[in-house]
Each structure stands twice: as structure tokens, then as C-alpha cells.
N, C-alpha and C. Protein backbone atom coordinates (compact mmCIF):
# COMPACT_ATOMS: atom_id res chain seq x y z
N MET A 1 -19.05 -43.84 0.84
CA MET A 1 -19.28 -42.49 1.53
C MET A 1 -18.00 -41.59 1.19
N SER A 2 -18.24 -40.30 0.88
CA SER A 2 -17.23 -39.36 0.51
C SER A 2 -16.38 -39.00 1.75
N ASN A 3 -15.13 -38.91 1.50
CA ASN A 3 -14.18 -38.57 2.49
C ASN A 3 -14.38 -37.02 2.88
N PRO A 4 -14.73 -36.68 4.10
CA PRO A 4 -15.01 -35.29 4.50
C PRO A 4 -13.87 -34.38 4.17
N LEU A 5 -12.57 -34.82 4.32
CA LEU A 5 -11.38 -34.10 4.04
C LEU A 5 -11.26 -33.78 2.58
N ALA A 6 -11.68 -34.70 1.77
CA ALA A 6 -11.71 -34.52 0.37
C ALA A 6 -12.62 -33.36 -0.03
N ILE A 7 -13.83 -33.36 0.59
CA ILE A 7 -14.82 -32.34 0.35
C ILE A 7 -14.31 -31.00 0.70
N VAL A 8 -13.56 -30.85 1.81
CA VAL A 8 -13.11 -29.64 2.32
C VAL A 8 -11.97 -29.16 1.26
N GLU A 9 -11.18 -30.10 0.77
CA GLU A 9 -10.15 -29.68 -0.22
C GLU A 9 -10.85 -29.24 -1.54
N ILE A 10 -11.85 -29.95 -1.91
CA ILE A 10 -12.49 -29.49 -3.11
C ILE A 10 -13.09 -27.95 -2.99
N ILE A 11 -13.66 -27.79 -1.84
CA ILE A 11 -14.23 -26.44 -1.54
C ILE A 11 -13.11 -25.43 -1.55
N ARG A 12 -11.95 -25.81 -0.99
CA ARG A 12 -10.79 -24.95 -0.88
C ARG A 12 -10.22 -24.62 -2.25
N ASN A 13 -10.25 -25.49 -3.14
CA ASN A 13 -9.81 -25.38 -4.58
C ASN A 13 -10.72 -24.40 -5.28
N VAL A 14 -12.04 -24.62 -4.99
CA VAL A 14 -13.03 -23.85 -5.75
C VAL A 14 -12.94 -22.29 -5.32
N THR A 15 -12.82 -22.06 -3.96
CA THR A 15 -12.83 -20.79 -3.41
C THR A 15 -11.63 -19.98 -3.87
N THR A 16 -10.65 -20.60 -4.38
CA THR A 16 -9.51 -19.98 -4.90
C THR A 16 -9.74 -19.15 -6.10
N TYR A 17 -10.75 -19.52 -6.93
CA TYR A 17 -11.08 -18.80 -8.12
C TYR A 17 -12.18 -17.85 -7.94
N LEU A 18 -12.76 -17.62 -6.75
CA LEU A 18 -13.87 -16.78 -6.52
C LEU A 18 -13.41 -15.37 -6.11
N ASP A 19 -14.12 -14.39 -6.58
CA ASP A 19 -13.83 -12.95 -6.23
C ASP A 19 -14.58 -12.74 -4.93
N VAL A 20 -14.42 -11.50 -4.33
CA VAL A 20 -14.96 -11.17 -3.00
C VAL A 20 -16.53 -11.39 -2.96
N LYS A 21 -17.22 -10.87 -4.02
CA LYS A 21 -18.57 -10.84 -4.13
C LYS A 21 -19.06 -12.29 -4.05
N GLU A 22 -18.39 -13.14 -4.88
CA GLU A 22 -18.68 -14.58 -4.91
C GLU A 22 -18.48 -15.34 -3.70
N LEU A 23 -17.37 -14.89 -3.00
CA LEU A 23 -17.21 -15.54 -1.60
C LEU A 23 -18.20 -15.15 -0.72
N ALA A 24 -18.71 -13.93 -0.72
CA ALA A 24 -19.84 -13.54 0.02
C ALA A 24 -21.03 -14.33 -0.07
N VAL A 25 -21.34 -14.80 -1.34
CA VAL A 25 -22.48 -15.63 -1.66
C VAL A 25 -22.23 -17.01 -1.04
N VAL A 26 -21.17 -17.60 -1.29
CA VAL A 26 -20.88 -19.10 -0.87
C VAL A 26 -20.83 -19.08 0.59
N TRP A 27 -20.49 -17.99 1.29
CA TRP A 27 -20.49 -17.84 2.74
C TRP A 27 -21.73 -18.32 3.31
N GLN A 28 -22.85 -18.12 2.58
CA GLN A 28 -24.24 -18.37 3.12
C GLN A 28 -24.77 -19.72 2.71
N LEU A 29 -23.89 -20.58 2.12
CA LEU A 29 -24.45 -21.94 1.73
C LEU A 29 -24.56 -22.88 2.88
N ASN A 30 -23.51 -23.16 3.54
CA ASN A 30 -23.52 -24.01 4.71
C ASN A 30 -22.20 -23.77 5.50
N LYS A 31 -22.13 -24.47 6.72
CA LYS A 31 -21.00 -24.26 7.50
C LYS A 31 -19.71 -24.46 6.84
N THR A 32 -19.58 -25.53 6.11
CA THR A 32 -18.24 -25.87 5.46
C THR A 32 -17.81 -24.86 4.55
N TRP A 33 -18.76 -24.36 3.67
CA TRP A 33 -18.40 -23.29 2.71
C TRP A 33 -18.19 -22.00 3.48
N ARG A 34 -18.91 -21.82 4.63
CA ARG A 34 -18.71 -20.56 5.25
C ARG A 34 -17.30 -20.55 6.01
N LEU A 35 -16.80 -21.53 6.57
CA LEU A 35 -15.59 -21.57 7.13
C LEU A 35 -14.46 -21.37 6.10
N GLU A 36 -14.60 -21.92 5.02
CA GLU A 36 -13.54 -21.74 3.90
C GLU A 36 -13.48 -20.46 3.36
N ALA A 37 -14.75 -19.92 3.09
CA ALA A 37 -14.87 -18.53 2.58
C ALA A 37 -14.24 -17.55 3.63
N GLN A 38 -14.47 -17.77 4.86
CA GLN A 38 -14.02 -16.91 5.97
C GLN A 38 -12.49 -17.13 5.92
N ARG A 39 -11.93 -18.23 5.89
CA ARG A 39 -10.53 -18.35 5.94
C ARG A 39 -9.89 -17.68 4.78
N LYS A 40 -10.52 -17.67 3.59
CA LYS A 40 -9.91 -17.06 2.41
C LYS A 40 -10.01 -15.50 2.59
N LEU A 41 -11.00 -15.02 3.08
CA LEU A 41 -11.32 -13.54 3.28
C LEU A 41 -10.35 -13.05 4.43
N TYR A 42 -10.30 -13.88 5.37
CA TYR A 42 -9.50 -13.40 6.58
C TYR A 42 -7.94 -13.38 6.35
N GLN A 43 -7.53 -14.03 5.31
CA GLN A 43 -6.05 -14.18 5.00
C GLN A 43 -5.42 -12.86 5.05
N ASN A 44 -6.04 -11.94 4.32
CA ASN A 44 -5.54 -10.54 4.23
C ASN A 44 -6.63 -9.55 3.82
N TRP A 45 -7.59 -9.24 4.70
CA TRP A 45 -8.67 -8.37 4.22
C TRP A 45 -8.20 -7.00 4.01
N SER A 46 -7.08 -6.51 4.55
CA SER A 46 -6.67 -5.18 4.41
C SER A 46 -6.23 -4.97 2.93
N THR A 47 -5.55 -6.03 2.30
CA THR A 47 -5.23 -6.00 0.94
C THR A 47 -6.45 -5.95 0.08
N ILE A 48 -7.46 -6.74 0.37
CA ILE A 48 -8.70 -6.79 -0.39
C ILE A 48 -9.39 -5.44 -0.28
N ILE A 49 -9.54 -4.80 0.89
CA ILE A 49 -10.13 -3.53 0.93
C ILE A 49 -9.40 -2.47 0.20
N TYR A 50 -8.07 -2.44 0.32
CA TYR A 50 -7.27 -1.45 -0.40
C TYR A 50 -7.39 -1.71 -1.91
N GLY A 51 -7.53 -3.03 -2.33
CA GLY A 51 -7.58 -3.21 -3.78
C GLY A 51 -8.90 -2.71 -4.39
N PHE A 52 -9.95 -2.49 -3.65
CA PHE A 52 -11.17 -1.99 -4.18
C PHE A 52 -10.96 -0.50 -4.71
N PHE A 53 -10.02 0.30 -4.02
CA PHE A 53 -9.90 1.70 -4.40
C PHE A 53 -8.57 1.96 -4.97
N GLU A 54 -7.58 1.24 -4.79
CA GLU A 54 -6.13 1.57 -5.21
C GLU A 54 -6.04 2.11 -6.60
N PRO A 55 -6.74 1.46 -7.65
CA PRO A 55 -6.57 1.90 -8.97
C PRO A 55 -6.92 3.37 -9.32
N TYR A 56 -7.72 3.98 -8.42
CA TYR A 56 -8.34 5.29 -8.60
C TYR A 56 -7.67 6.42 -7.62
N LEU A 57 -6.86 6.04 -6.75
CA LEU A 57 -6.45 6.95 -5.62
C LEU A 57 -5.44 8.01 -6.20
N ASN A 58 -4.57 7.63 -7.03
CA ASN A 58 -3.62 8.76 -7.59
C ASN A 58 -4.42 9.72 -8.34
N ASP A 59 -5.39 9.35 -9.12
CA ASP A 59 -6.17 10.24 -9.87
C ASP A 59 -6.99 11.15 -9.04
N LEU A 60 -7.46 10.57 -7.92
CA LEU A 60 -8.28 11.37 -6.99
C LEU A 60 -7.49 12.46 -6.39
N ARG A 61 -6.19 12.16 -6.02
CA ARG A 61 -5.34 13.22 -5.49
C ARG A 61 -5.01 14.15 -6.47
N LEU A 62 -4.71 13.80 -7.61
CA LEU A 62 -4.21 14.68 -8.72
C LEU A 62 -5.31 15.71 -9.12
N ARG A 63 -6.55 15.23 -8.91
CA ARG A 63 -7.67 16.21 -9.20
C ARG A 63 -8.26 16.91 -7.96
N HIS A 64 -7.51 17.05 -6.89
CA HIS A 64 -7.94 17.62 -5.71
C HIS A 64 -8.35 19.10 -5.85
N LEU A 65 -7.80 19.77 -6.77
CA LEU A 65 -8.15 21.18 -7.04
C LEU A 65 -9.33 21.31 -7.94
N ASP A 66 -9.82 20.34 -8.54
CA ASP A 66 -10.87 20.35 -9.45
C ASP A 66 -12.20 20.49 -8.59
N PRO A 67 -12.97 21.65 -8.86
CA PRO A 67 -14.18 21.87 -8.02
C PRO A 67 -15.30 20.78 -8.41
N GLU A 68 -15.12 20.15 -9.61
CA GLU A 68 -16.14 19.19 -10.08
C GLU A 68 -15.73 17.76 -9.59
N ASN A 69 -14.71 17.70 -8.82
CA ASN A 69 -14.14 16.35 -8.51
C ASN A 69 -14.87 15.84 -7.25
N SER A 70 -16.00 15.20 -7.48
CA SER A 70 -16.67 14.46 -6.43
C SER A 70 -15.96 13.08 -6.39
N ILE A 71 -15.98 12.38 -5.24
CA ILE A 71 -15.33 11.17 -5.06
C ILE A 71 -15.90 10.12 -5.97
N VAL A 72 -17.21 10.08 -6.33
CA VAL A 72 -17.81 9.11 -7.16
C VAL A 72 -17.61 9.35 -8.58
N SER A 73 -17.05 10.57 -8.91
CA SER A 73 -16.77 10.90 -10.30
C SER A 73 -15.33 10.25 -10.69
N VAL A 74 -14.61 9.85 -9.67
CA VAL A 74 -13.31 9.23 -9.91
C VAL A 74 -13.36 7.75 -9.58
N ILE A 75 -14.05 7.47 -8.43
CA ILE A 75 -14.12 5.98 -7.95
C ILE A 75 -15.50 5.45 -8.31
N PRO A 76 -15.70 4.54 -9.10
CA PRO A 76 -16.97 4.00 -9.42
C PRO A 76 -17.85 3.50 -8.31
N PHE A 77 -19.08 3.76 -8.36
CA PHE A 77 -19.90 3.52 -7.24
C PHE A 77 -19.90 1.94 -6.92
N TYR A 78 -19.72 1.16 -7.93
CA TYR A 78 -19.78 -0.22 -7.65
C TYR A 78 -18.58 -0.74 -6.82
N GLU A 79 -17.51 0.00 -6.71
CA GLU A 79 -16.39 -0.25 -5.91
C GLU A 79 -16.80 -0.03 -4.45
N PHE A 80 -17.49 0.98 -4.22
CA PHE A 80 -18.04 1.23 -2.82
C PHE A 80 -19.10 0.12 -2.35
N ASN A 81 -19.77 -0.28 -3.41
CA ASN A 81 -20.79 -1.37 -3.15
C ASN A 81 -20.09 -2.70 -2.78
N ARG A 82 -19.04 -3.01 -3.55
CA ARG A 82 -18.31 -4.24 -3.25
C ARG A 82 -17.71 -4.14 -1.89
N PHE A 83 -17.15 -2.85 -1.48
CA PHE A 83 -16.57 -2.66 -0.20
C PHE A 83 -17.64 -2.92 0.87
N ASN A 84 -18.80 -2.40 0.63
CA ASN A 84 -19.92 -2.55 1.55
C ASN A 84 -20.33 -3.92 1.84
N ILE A 85 -20.44 -4.81 0.71
CA ILE A 85 -20.89 -6.16 0.83
C ILE A 85 -19.64 -6.84 1.63
N PHE A 86 -18.37 -6.61 1.30
CA PHE A 86 -17.36 -7.22 2.04
C PHE A 86 -17.41 -6.89 3.55
N ARG A 87 -17.58 -5.63 3.86
CA ARG A 87 -17.70 -5.19 5.20
C ARG A 87 -18.81 -5.85 6.08
N GLN A 88 -19.92 -5.93 5.37
CA GLN A 88 -21.10 -6.49 6.06
C GLN A 88 -20.94 -8.03 6.24
N VAL A 89 -20.36 -8.66 5.29
CA VAL A 89 -20.17 -10.26 5.41
C VAL A 89 -19.23 -10.43 6.59
N LEU A 90 -18.21 -9.66 6.80
CA LEU A 90 -17.27 -10.00 7.82
C LEU A 90 -17.57 -9.17 9.08
N GLY A 91 -18.52 -8.26 9.02
CA GLY A 91 -18.82 -7.55 10.19
C GLY A 91 -17.69 -6.65 10.66
N LEU A 92 -17.18 -5.95 9.69
CA LEU A 92 -16.02 -5.09 10.00
C LEU A 92 -16.51 -3.79 10.34
N ASP A 93 -15.56 -3.07 11.18
CA ASP A 93 -15.71 -1.62 11.52
C ASP A 93 -14.90 -0.84 10.50
N VAL A 94 -15.70 0.05 9.70
CA VAL A 94 -15.07 0.86 8.68
C VAL A 94 -13.82 1.60 9.16
N LYS A 95 -14.14 2.35 10.16
CA LYS A 95 -12.98 3.22 10.69
C LYS A 95 -11.77 2.41 11.20
N ILE A 96 -12.02 1.43 11.93
CA ILE A 96 -10.91 0.57 12.40
C ILE A 96 -10.07 -0.02 11.19
N GLU A 97 -10.79 -0.51 10.19
CA GLU A 97 -10.04 -1.13 9.01
C GLU A 97 -9.40 -0.15 8.24
N LEU A 98 -9.99 0.95 7.98
CA LEU A 98 -9.26 1.98 7.07
C LEU A 98 -8.06 2.51 7.84
N LEU A 99 -8.17 2.80 9.06
CA LEU A 99 -6.98 3.27 9.75
C LEU A 99 -5.95 2.31 9.98
N SER A 100 -6.33 0.94 10.00
CA SER A 100 -5.35 -0.10 10.02
C SER A 100 -4.59 -0.18 8.76
N ILE A 101 -5.19 0.02 7.62
CA ILE A 101 -4.48 0.13 6.29
C ILE A 101 -3.47 1.32 6.32
N ARG A 102 -4.01 2.43 6.83
CA ARG A 102 -3.17 3.66 6.94
C ARG A 102 -1.87 3.41 7.77
N ASP A 103 -2.13 2.72 8.84
CA ASP A 103 -1.06 2.45 9.89
C ASP A 103 -0.01 1.54 9.20
N GLN A 104 -0.39 0.60 8.41
CA GLN A 104 0.43 -0.34 7.69
C GLN A 104 1.28 0.34 6.74
N PHE A 105 0.68 1.27 6.01
CA PHE A 105 1.40 2.20 5.08
C PHE A 105 2.48 2.97 5.87
N ARG A 106 2.21 3.53 6.90
CA ARG A 106 3.09 4.35 7.67
C ARG A 106 4.29 3.50 8.21
N ALA A 107 3.95 2.31 8.68
CA ALA A 107 4.99 1.50 9.29
C ALA A 107 5.97 1.09 8.14
N GLU A 108 5.44 0.76 7.04
CA GLU A 108 6.31 0.39 5.88
C GLU A 108 7.13 1.59 5.37
N PHE A 109 6.52 2.69 5.44
CA PHE A 109 7.32 3.95 5.02
C PHE A 109 8.54 4.12 6.01
N LYS A 110 8.22 4.00 7.24
CA LYS A 110 9.17 4.21 8.16
C LYS A 110 10.38 3.20 7.93
N ARG A 111 9.92 1.99 7.67
CA ARG A 111 11.05 0.87 7.47
C ARG A 111 11.83 1.33 6.20
N LEU A 112 11.24 1.78 5.08
CA LEU A 112 11.97 2.09 3.92
C LEU A 112 12.86 3.40 4.12
N LYS A 113 12.41 4.24 4.97
CA LYS A 113 13.11 5.43 5.23
C LYS A 113 14.41 5.10 6.05
N LYS A 114 14.34 4.21 6.90
CA LYS A 114 15.44 3.71 7.67
C LYS A 114 16.49 2.97 6.74
N ILE A 115 15.93 2.15 5.76
CA ILE A 115 16.86 1.55 4.80
C ILE A 115 17.67 2.61 3.99
N CYS A 116 16.91 3.64 3.51
CA CYS A 116 17.50 4.64 2.75
C CYS A 116 18.65 5.37 3.45
N LYS A 117 18.30 5.75 4.81
CA LYS A 117 19.40 6.39 5.56
C LYS A 117 20.59 5.47 5.75
N SER A 118 20.37 4.24 6.01
CA SER A 118 21.48 3.23 6.25
C SER A 118 22.31 3.16 4.96
N LEU A 119 21.72 3.02 3.81
CA LEU A 119 22.37 3.04 2.51
C LEU A 119 23.19 4.28 2.18
N ASN A 120 22.61 5.40 2.53
CA ASN A 120 23.39 6.68 2.23
C ASN A 120 24.52 6.78 3.24
N ARG A 121 24.42 6.38 4.42
CA ARG A 121 25.62 6.30 5.36
C ARG A 121 26.70 5.35 4.80
N GLU A 122 26.30 4.15 4.36
CA GLU A 122 27.21 3.26 3.75
C GLU A 122 27.93 3.83 2.51
N ALA A 123 27.05 4.50 1.78
CA ALA A 123 27.63 5.19 0.58
C ALA A 123 28.79 6.23 0.83
N ARG A 124 28.43 7.13 1.81
CA ARG A 124 29.46 8.01 2.26
C ARG A 124 30.81 7.41 2.78
N LYS A 125 30.60 6.31 3.53
CA LYS A 125 31.77 5.65 4.05
C LYS A 125 32.67 5.11 3.00
N LYS A 126 32.03 4.49 1.96
CA LYS A 126 32.69 3.80 0.77
C LYS A 126 33.31 4.99 0.02
N GLU A 127 32.68 6.05 -0.14
CA GLU A 127 33.16 7.21 -0.88
C GLU A 127 34.53 7.65 -0.22
N GLU A 128 34.55 7.68 1.11
CA GLU A 128 35.71 8.20 1.87
C GLU A 128 36.84 7.13 1.72
N LEU A 129 36.38 5.95 1.64
CA LEU A 129 37.40 4.80 1.58
C LEU A 129 38.17 4.90 0.20
N ILE A 130 37.53 5.37 -0.82
CA ILE A 130 38.17 5.54 -2.21
C ILE A 130 39.40 6.43 -1.97
N ARG A 131 39.39 7.47 -1.20
CA ARG A 131 40.49 8.48 -1.12
C ARG A 131 41.74 7.79 -0.37
N THR A 132 41.48 6.70 0.28
CA THR A 132 42.50 6.27 1.08
C THR A 132 43.49 5.31 0.14
N PHE A 133 43.13 5.02 -1.10
CA PHE A 133 43.84 4.21 -2.09
C PHE A 133 44.54 5.09 -3.18
N THR A 134 45.64 4.62 -3.61
CA THR A 134 46.25 5.28 -4.75
C THR A 134 45.39 5.34 -5.90
N PRO A 135 45.27 6.53 -6.56
CA PRO A 135 44.50 6.65 -7.82
C PRO A 135 44.92 5.65 -8.85
N CYS A 136 43.97 5.11 -9.59
CA CYS A 136 44.28 4.07 -10.64
C CYS A 136 44.80 2.77 -10.19
N SER A 137 44.84 2.59 -8.85
CA SER A 137 45.30 1.27 -8.34
C SER A 137 44.15 0.31 -8.40
N LEU A 138 44.43 -0.96 -8.21
CA LEU A 138 43.44 -1.97 -8.21
C LEU A 138 42.52 -1.84 -6.98
N GLU A 139 43.11 -1.50 -5.87
CA GLU A 139 42.20 -1.29 -4.66
C GLU A 139 41.36 -0.07 -4.87
N ASN A 140 41.79 0.97 -5.53
CA ASN A 140 40.98 2.09 -5.84
C ASN A 140 39.81 1.64 -6.71
N TYR A 141 40.15 0.89 -7.74
CA TYR A 141 39.07 0.47 -8.77
C TYR A 141 38.00 -0.30 -8.01
N ARG A 142 38.48 -1.24 -7.15
CA ARG A 142 37.52 -2.16 -6.37
C ARG A 142 36.64 -1.24 -5.37
N ALA A 143 37.19 -0.27 -4.84
CA ALA A 143 36.55 0.57 -3.90
C ALA A 143 35.56 1.40 -4.64
N ARG A 144 35.86 1.89 -5.74
CA ARG A 144 34.94 2.61 -6.64
C ARG A 144 33.73 1.68 -7.10
N SER A 145 34.04 0.51 -7.45
CA SER A 145 33.05 -0.50 -7.82
C SER A 145 32.07 -0.71 -6.74
N ARG A 146 32.61 -0.85 -5.53
CA ARG A 146 31.65 -1.18 -4.34
C ARG A 146 30.91 0.04 -4.09
N TYR A 147 31.48 1.21 -4.15
CA TYR A 147 30.73 2.51 -3.95
C TYR A 147 29.60 2.66 -5.05
N GLY A 148 29.91 2.34 -6.24
CA GLY A 148 28.94 2.47 -7.34
C GLY A 148 27.64 1.50 -7.01
N ALA A 149 28.09 0.28 -6.60
CA ALA A 149 26.94 -0.68 -6.32
C ALA A 149 26.02 -0.19 -5.12
N VAL A 150 26.59 0.46 -4.15
CA VAL A 150 25.83 0.97 -3.00
C VAL A 150 24.95 2.14 -3.45
N VAL A 151 25.53 3.03 -4.19
CA VAL A 151 24.90 4.24 -4.76
C VAL A 151 23.60 3.72 -5.60
N LYS A 152 23.84 2.83 -6.41
CA LYS A 152 22.78 2.27 -7.21
C LYS A 152 21.61 1.72 -6.37
N GLU A 153 21.97 0.92 -5.32
CA GLU A 153 21.02 0.25 -4.48
C GLU A 153 20.34 1.45 -3.61
N ALA A 154 21.08 2.51 -3.29
CA ALA A 154 20.45 3.58 -2.57
C ALA A 154 19.32 4.32 -3.44
N ARG A 155 19.77 4.54 -4.71
CA ARG A 155 18.79 5.16 -5.56
C ARG A 155 17.55 4.32 -5.78
N ILE A 156 17.72 3.00 -5.93
CA ILE A 156 16.47 2.20 -6.08
C ILE A 156 15.69 2.23 -4.86
N SER A 157 16.26 2.19 -3.66
CA SER A 157 15.64 2.27 -2.39
C SER A 157 14.87 3.56 -2.22
N GLU A 158 15.42 4.63 -2.61
CA GLU A 158 14.98 5.87 -2.45
C GLU A 158 13.73 6.10 -3.43
N ARG A 159 13.86 5.47 -4.66
CA ARG A 159 12.59 5.49 -5.50
C ARG A 159 11.48 4.66 -4.95
N ARG A 160 11.87 3.56 -4.33
CA ARG A 160 10.81 2.72 -3.64
C ARG A 160 10.09 3.49 -2.56
N ARG A 161 10.94 4.15 -1.76
CA ARG A 161 10.44 5.01 -0.69
C ARG A 161 9.52 5.97 -1.19
N PHE A 162 9.94 6.66 -2.24
CA PHE A 162 9.08 7.80 -2.77
C PHE A 162 7.67 7.20 -3.25
N GLU A 163 7.68 6.21 -3.94
CA GLU A 163 6.56 5.55 -4.48
C GLU A 163 5.59 5.08 -3.36
N HIS A 164 6.27 4.57 -2.32
CA HIS A 164 5.38 4.09 -1.20
C HIS A 164 4.77 5.35 -0.44
N TYR A 165 5.52 6.49 -0.40
CA TYR A 165 5.07 7.67 0.22
C TYR A 165 3.93 8.21 -0.61
N ARG A 166 4.02 8.13 -1.95
CA ARG A 166 2.95 8.61 -2.75
C ARG A 166 1.61 7.74 -2.48
N ASN A 167 1.79 6.51 -2.37
CA ASN A 167 0.70 5.57 -2.14
C ASN A 167 0.07 5.85 -0.80
N LEU A 168 0.97 6.21 0.20
CA LEU A 168 0.45 6.53 1.55
C LEU A 168 -0.35 7.79 1.56
N VAL A 169 0.07 8.86 0.89
CA VAL A 169 -0.54 10.09 0.81
C VAL A 169 -1.85 9.92 -0.07
N ASN A 170 -1.75 9.23 -1.05
CA ASN A 170 -3.10 8.92 -1.87
C ASN A 170 -4.06 8.36 -0.94
N PHE A 171 -3.74 7.42 -0.14
CA PHE A 171 -4.68 6.69 0.70
C PHE A 171 -5.24 7.65 1.80
N GLU A 172 -4.34 8.40 2.30
CA GLU A 172 -4.72 9.38 3.34
C GLU A 172 -5.68 10.40 2.85
N TYR A 173 -5.41 10.79 1.58
CA TYR A 173 -6.33 11.78 0.97
C TYR A 173 -7.63 11.11 0.68
N PHE A 174 -7.64 9.88 0.36
CA PHE A 174 -8.90 9.17 0.16
C PHE A 174 -9.78 9.09 1.50
N LEU A 175 -8.95 9.02 2.66
CA LEU A 175 -9.60 8.94 3.95
C LEU A 175 -10.27 10.40 4.21
N VAL A 176 -9.60 11.47 3.79
CA VAL A 176 -10.18 12.79 3.88
C VAL A 176 -11.44 12.83 3.15
N ARG A 177 -11.43 12.35 1.88
CA ARG A 177 -12.66 12.55 1.14
C ARG A 177 -13.81 11.54 1.37
N PHE A 178 -13.41 10.36 1.69
CA PHE A 178 -14.37 9.39 2.06
C PHE A 178 -14.83 9.33 3.52
N GLY A 179 -13.96 9.47 4.34
CA GLY A 179 -14.43 9.38 5.74
C GLY A 179 -14.47 10.73 6.50
N SER A 180 -13.71 11.70 6.13
CA SER A 180 -13.57 13.03 6.77
C SER A 180 -13.39 12.90 8.17
N THR A 181 -14.22 13.67 8.89
CA THR A 181 -14.11 13.58 10.46
C THR A 181 -14.67 12.36 11.11
N ARG A 182 -15.35 11.61 10.32
CA ARG A 182 -15.87 10.32 10.84
C ARG A 182 -14.69 9.36 11.14
N VAL A 183 -13.58 9.58 10.39
CA VAL A 183 -12.42 8.76 10.46
C VAL A 183 -11.16 9.42 11.03
N LEU A 184 -11.04 10.66 10.66
CA LEU A 184 -9.87 11.55 11.01
C LEU A 184 -10.14 12.61 11.89
N THR A 185 -9.14 13.13 12.63
CA THR A 185 -9.34 14.37 13.42
C THR A 185 -9.14 15.53 12.49
N ASP A 186 -9.57 16.74 12.91
CA ASP A 186 -9.36 17.93 12.07
C ASP A 186 -7.79 18.24 11.84
N GLU A 187 -6.99 17.93 12.86
CA GLU A 187 -5.64 18.15 12.84
C GLU A 187 -5.04 17.26 11.76
N GLU A 188 -5.42 15.87 11.78
CA GLU A 188 -4.97 14.87 10.80
C GLU A 188 -5.28 15.26 9.34
N ILE A 189 -6.55 15.82 9.26
CA ILE A 189 -6.94 16.30 7.91
C ILE A 189 -6.04 17.42 7.37
N ASP A 190 -5.73 18.32 8.24
CA ASP A 190 -4.84 19.46 7.90
C ASP A 190 -3.48 19.09 7.44
N THR A 191 -2.98 18.07 8.28
CA THR A 191 -1.65 17.55 7.98
C THR A 191 -1.65 16.84 6.57
N ILE A 192 -2.65 16.06 6.29
CA ILE A 192 -2.77 15.34 5.06
C ILE A 192 -2.75 16.35 3.91
N LEU A 193 -3.61 17.35 3.95
CA LEU A 193 -3.73 18.46 2.97
C LEU A 193 -2.40 19.07 2.68
N ASP A 194 -1.64 19.29 3.83
CA ASP A 194 -0.33 19.91 3.51
C ASP A 194 0.62 18.99 2.86
N LYS A 195 0.37 17.76 2.93
CA LYS A 195 1.26 16.80 2.22
C LYS A 195 1.13 16.83 0.71
N LEU A 196 -0.02 17.18 0.28
CA LEU A 196 -0.47 17.18 -1.15
C LEU A 196 0.64 17.99 -2.01
N GLN A 197 0.92 19.23 -1.46
CA GLN A 197 1.75 20.10 -2.15
C GLN A 197 3.27 19.59 -2.08
N ASP A 198 3.66 19.04 -0.96
CA ASP A 198 4.96 18.44 -0.82
C ASP A 198 5.11 17.35 -1.82
N LEU A 199 4.14 16.45 -1.94
CA LEU A 199 4.15 15.26 -2.87
C LEU A 199 4.20 15.81 -4.26
N TRP A 200 3.45 16.79 -4.58
CA TRP A 200 3.38 17.30 -5.87
C TRP A 200 4.83 17.93 -6.34
N ASP A 201 5.49 18.60 -5.32
CA ASP A 201 6.79 19.16 -5.63
C ASP A 201 7.83 18.06 -5.80
N GLY A 202 7.74 16.93 -5.08
CA GLY A 202 8.57 15.77 -5.28
C GLY A 202 8.39 15.03 -6.65
N GLU A 203 7.17 15.09 -7.00
CA GLU A 203 6.85 14.46 -8.40
C GLU A 203 7.44 15.34 -9.47
N GLU A 204 7.30 16.61 -9.28
CA GLU A 204 7.97 17.59 -10.24
C GLU A 204 9.51 17.42 -10.42
N GLU A 205 10.12 17.18 -9.24
CA GLU A 205 11.58 17.10 -9.27
C GLU A 205 11.93 15.78 -10.03
N ILE A 206 11.25 14.75 -9.88
CA ILE A 206 11.79 13.52 -10.55
C ILE A 206 11.22 13.24 -11.87
N SER A 207 10.32 14.19 -12.34
CA SER A 207 9.62 13.95 -13.61
C SER A 207 10.68 14.52 -14.81
């Protein structure tokens, strides 16, 4: 007689190679398959949902002034179909899940912003410390080296913060186009639309 634990392990290995649509199919086979598919999908469904649309969101935002720019002209319809299958299988509330993804983006942006502020403060302190040493001395050289390392780290963090902000605004604009007032308030929509020009200006500065 087969070992039940071995069967579960086999199923677990198989589901590793299945995409979302295939997991939705095996969900319906029997309880063992359903539980494993559920475990796989529940591991991080926010990432899965975001993954349906992420490749298209920057283009959607960049084309926001194009009058011919319907959302399905940028994001293929089959991605919405995949999202709908996923939502139905797990019984998810669209508004709750989309706003949860937005909130995760916002929380991470705040975290990165704090890191950038901290590194900038540290860089200023190390720059001031340089002046306390005799020019061309070993201590001065070491202080300059430490200052340079912090400045480099600060620039990398700032770039990471900006890229995350772009992803956040891209997703928020997707919410405007996809969900509109079913997901967002009128005030939230106005705030997001104001962010588009700010982001555009930031991209111009670093290009």
C-alpha cells in the first residue's frame, strides 16, 4: 500500500511546475490536490495577482495622454481572464486584494524613504568629520573613503526608492483605469493623477 505522505510529497513536487491556470484545474481533482493547490496559491497571492499585470503597467501610464489608449489595448485580455480565474478559484474580493497590493507598495516605499533619509544624514555627518582632520593625512583619507562609501550607498538606495515609487504610481494608475470609483474614492483618483506629472518630471531628471 502506498505511503500517504509520499503521495502528498509527489503532488507537492508536481504543483511546483504548474502555472496559476493549471493549479486552478487540479484544485478540482480531489481533496489532496485541492489542499496542495490551495497551499501553493495562498503562499503569496498578492505577488501572483500583481504578476498578471506588472509587465504592462509602465506602458499604460506612459500612454495616459493617448486618447486611443484603452486599457485592453495595453494589457491583453487574457491577463484579465487569468486574473478572473484566479479570483474565482480562491473566492477573492477584487477591491480588497487590489488595495492590499497598493498598501504593500506604500509601506515598502515609506521604508525605503526612511532608509534614504538615514543614509543622507550619515553622509552629512561623515562629510563634516572630514574637516576635523588635517588635509592629506591618513585620517583624512580614511574619513573621505568612508564618506564616499556612504554616498554610494545613498545613491543606490535613492535609485531603488525612485524605482519603487514608479512601480507604486504605475499600479495606482492601473487602479484608476481598471477599478475607478469601484475601488478608489474621487479624492484618491485626483491624487494619483497629480502624481503622474511628478513622476514624469523625476524620470526626465534622471534620464
